[in-house]
Amino acid sequence: MSICYKTIISISSKKSFNSIKPNKLLSKRVDSSGNRVLGQICSDDVGSNWLPRRNCVKVHFSNGWSSGIDSDSTEVIRKRNVVEHICLLKAKKELSEEEEKDMLDYLYTLQYQMGGIVAISVGCLSGRNPDGYTHALYMRFQRKEDLAKFYKNSFYLGVLEDHVMPYCHELVSVDYESEVEDDILPIFRKGEEFNYGVEFILVISVVEGSLVGCMEDALAALEKLIVEFPSLIVQATQGANLNLNSRKYTHAAVLRFRTSEAFEMFVGSQNYRDMWISKFEPITEKSLAVHFSIEPVGTEIM
């Protein structure tokens, strides 16, 4: 297990930005061209249940640089590496509701039948997409070794053979390593915040011959935008595809939005569009963005 550290500098202030509660969305602003822009909310009163009690500013320190702030006001957030697994499915047109339920229930209850899976979500994709995918499965593993065992597990292979492939004619997988806060709820995606919302999956294929570091720079820009708006997003991860047997896409990201309104506000904002046009479009050969609502499934163990 590898752990990295980020330092948070806590600054007390009488007047500061208001920390927005998770169930409260950011205000919608419209620029002169009529485009929606993600806005912050200012207030003299500071109230929060997603930040520490004091206002916080994340600072990355360089060697030899002094913050000028008393070390007593700092605290460390530990990060833990996790491995994310995405599987996109194309169901047959004649798939019935009963067959769909059977497929999704068996996929969801994989977590109860085999070790290594620490989080899972599965659902029917909302709307149409250019590639025709209809369903998505997301899983989280603690280690790469757990993912490797998963692919070879006889129970998983049986579920694919008996309850997935009879209803689907294509699937594609993307696996990547990322990091999350080293705490039980963020790692296992447990708690009230993860019981509902929208799962957003973005998969990308980089143009061959792109300059080294361009995609990393683009992903860093996406991460920066995500961090600025925690009132919309519960958790987000991203990384380069590790799956040597499925190279259709080179990178992926998974974002859990708090509500459908939060999802629409973020992806429809001018901030997001500007970032995509400036950072991703020049180096992207193909991309696919899909999402599904989080609903309780697989309540019975198969």
Foldseek 3Di string as FASTA:
>chain_A
DDKDKWKKAFDADQWDFEADELQDAFDWDADPVRFTAGDTHTDSDHDYDPDPPGDIDTDDDDPPDDPPDDPVRMDMWMKAKKKKKKKFFAFDPPDDPVLVQQLQLLLVLVPVVDPFWLEKFKDFWPDAWPVRTTIMIMTMGRDPVSVVCLVVDPSNVVSCVPRNVVGTDDMAMFMFMWMDTPDSCTRSVDDPQSQWFKKKKKFFAWDPPDDPPLVVVLVVLVVVVCVVGCSFWVDKTKGFGPDPVGVPTGIMMITGTSYPVSVCSVCRGPSNVVSCVVRPVVTTPDMIMIMDIGDDGNPDND
